[in-house]
Amino acid sequence: MEKLEQRELYVTNNFYSYARGNKFMVALTNVGEKGETIHIKVPNTPFEANSLVCNIFWDNDCLNVN
């Protein structure tokens, strides 16, 4: 099994994201289920422009990369 390098993408007090390889990205927040909505532009994601990226845990939670 190939070991994928992990790289940090973007960090704030309420948000953390990292990527492994060129098809996997994790984005985490600590605002909680009833917390505020936050909008963050993550630079240098592993995805091509105009790609549809979906959350693997919730159906219909997708974004277009631009």
Protein backbone atom coordinates (compact mmCIF):
# COMPACT_ATOMS: atom_id res chain seq x y z
CA MET A 1 0.00 0.00 0.00
CA GLU A 2 1.31 3.42 -0.99
CA LYS A 3 1.77 5.87 1.88
CA LEU A 4 0.37 9.28 0.94
CA GLU A 5 2.09 12.40 2.20
CA GLN A 6 -0.10 14.61 4.37
CA ARG A 7 0.07 18.36 3.84
CA GLU A 8 -1.60 21.11 5.81
CA LEU A 9 -3.74 23.38 3.64
CA TYR A 10 -5.34 26.03 5.85
CA VAL A 11 -5.61 26.71 9.60
CA THR A 12 -7.57 29.21 11.72
CA ASN A 13 -8.81 29.12 15.33
CA ASN A 14 -12.03 27.43 14.14
CA PHE A 15 -10.93 25.53 11.02
CA TYR A 16 -8.28 23.01 9.99
CA SER A 17 -7.79 21.33 6.62
CA TYR A 18 -5.26 18.94 5.18
CA ALA A 19 -4.84 16.81 2.07
CA ARG A 20 -3.37 13.42 1.30
CA GLY A 21 -2.40 12.70 -2.26
CA ASN A 22 -4.38 14.39 -5.02
CA LYS A 23 -7.92 13.13 -4.31
CA PHE A 24 -8.42 13.32 -0.55
CA MET A 25 -8.97 16.40 1.63
CA VAL A 26 -10.21 16.73 5.20
CA ALA A 27 -11.83 19.91 6.52
CA LEU A 28 -12.70 20.21 10.23
CA THR A 29 -14.34 22.89 12.36
CA ASN A 30 -14.97 23.30 16.07
CA VAL A 31 -18.12 25.44 15.82
CA GLY A 32 -20.47 22.56 16.70
CA GLU A 33 -23.81 21.47 15.29
CA LYS A 34 -25.57 24.66 16.38
CA GLY A 35 -22.59 26.90 15.77
CA GLU A 36 -22.20 29.69 13.30
CA THR A 37 -21.85 29.08 9.59
CA ILE A 38 -18.36 29.79 8.34
CA HIS A 39 -17.19 30.26 4.76
CA ILE A 40 -13.52 29.63 4.04
CA LYS A 41 -11.59 29.58 0.78
CA VAL A 42 -8.92 26.91 1.09
CA PRO A 43 -5.91 27.59 -1.15
CA ASN A 44 -4.04 24.84 -2.97
CA THR A 45 -6.64 22.08 -2.71
CA PRO A 46 -5.74 18.84 -4.46
CA PHE A 47 -8.69 19.19 -6.88
CA GLU A 48 -8.87 20.45 -10.46
CA ALA A 49 -10.87 23.61 -11.18
CA ASN A 50 -14.57 23.00 -11.87
CA SER A 51 -14.49 19.60 -10.12
CA LEU A 52 -17.50 18.50 -8.08
CA VAL A 53 -16.29 17.53 -4.59
CA CYS A 54 -18.64 15.72 -2.19
CA ASN A 55 -18.73 14.95 1.51
CA ILE A 56 -18.46 11.18 1.96
CA PHE A 57 -20.51 11.26 5.18
CA TRP A 58 -23.59 13.27 4.08
CA ASP A 59 -25.50 12.88 0.82
CA ASN A 60 -26.08 16.00 -1.26
CA ASP A 61 -23.26 17.93 0.48
CA CYS A 62 -21.19 18.89 -2.56
CA LEU A 63 -19.26 21.93 -3.84
CA ASN A 64 -17.83 23.01 -7.15
CA VAL A 65 -14.13 23.86 -6.96
CA ASN A 66 -13.37 27.22 -8.52
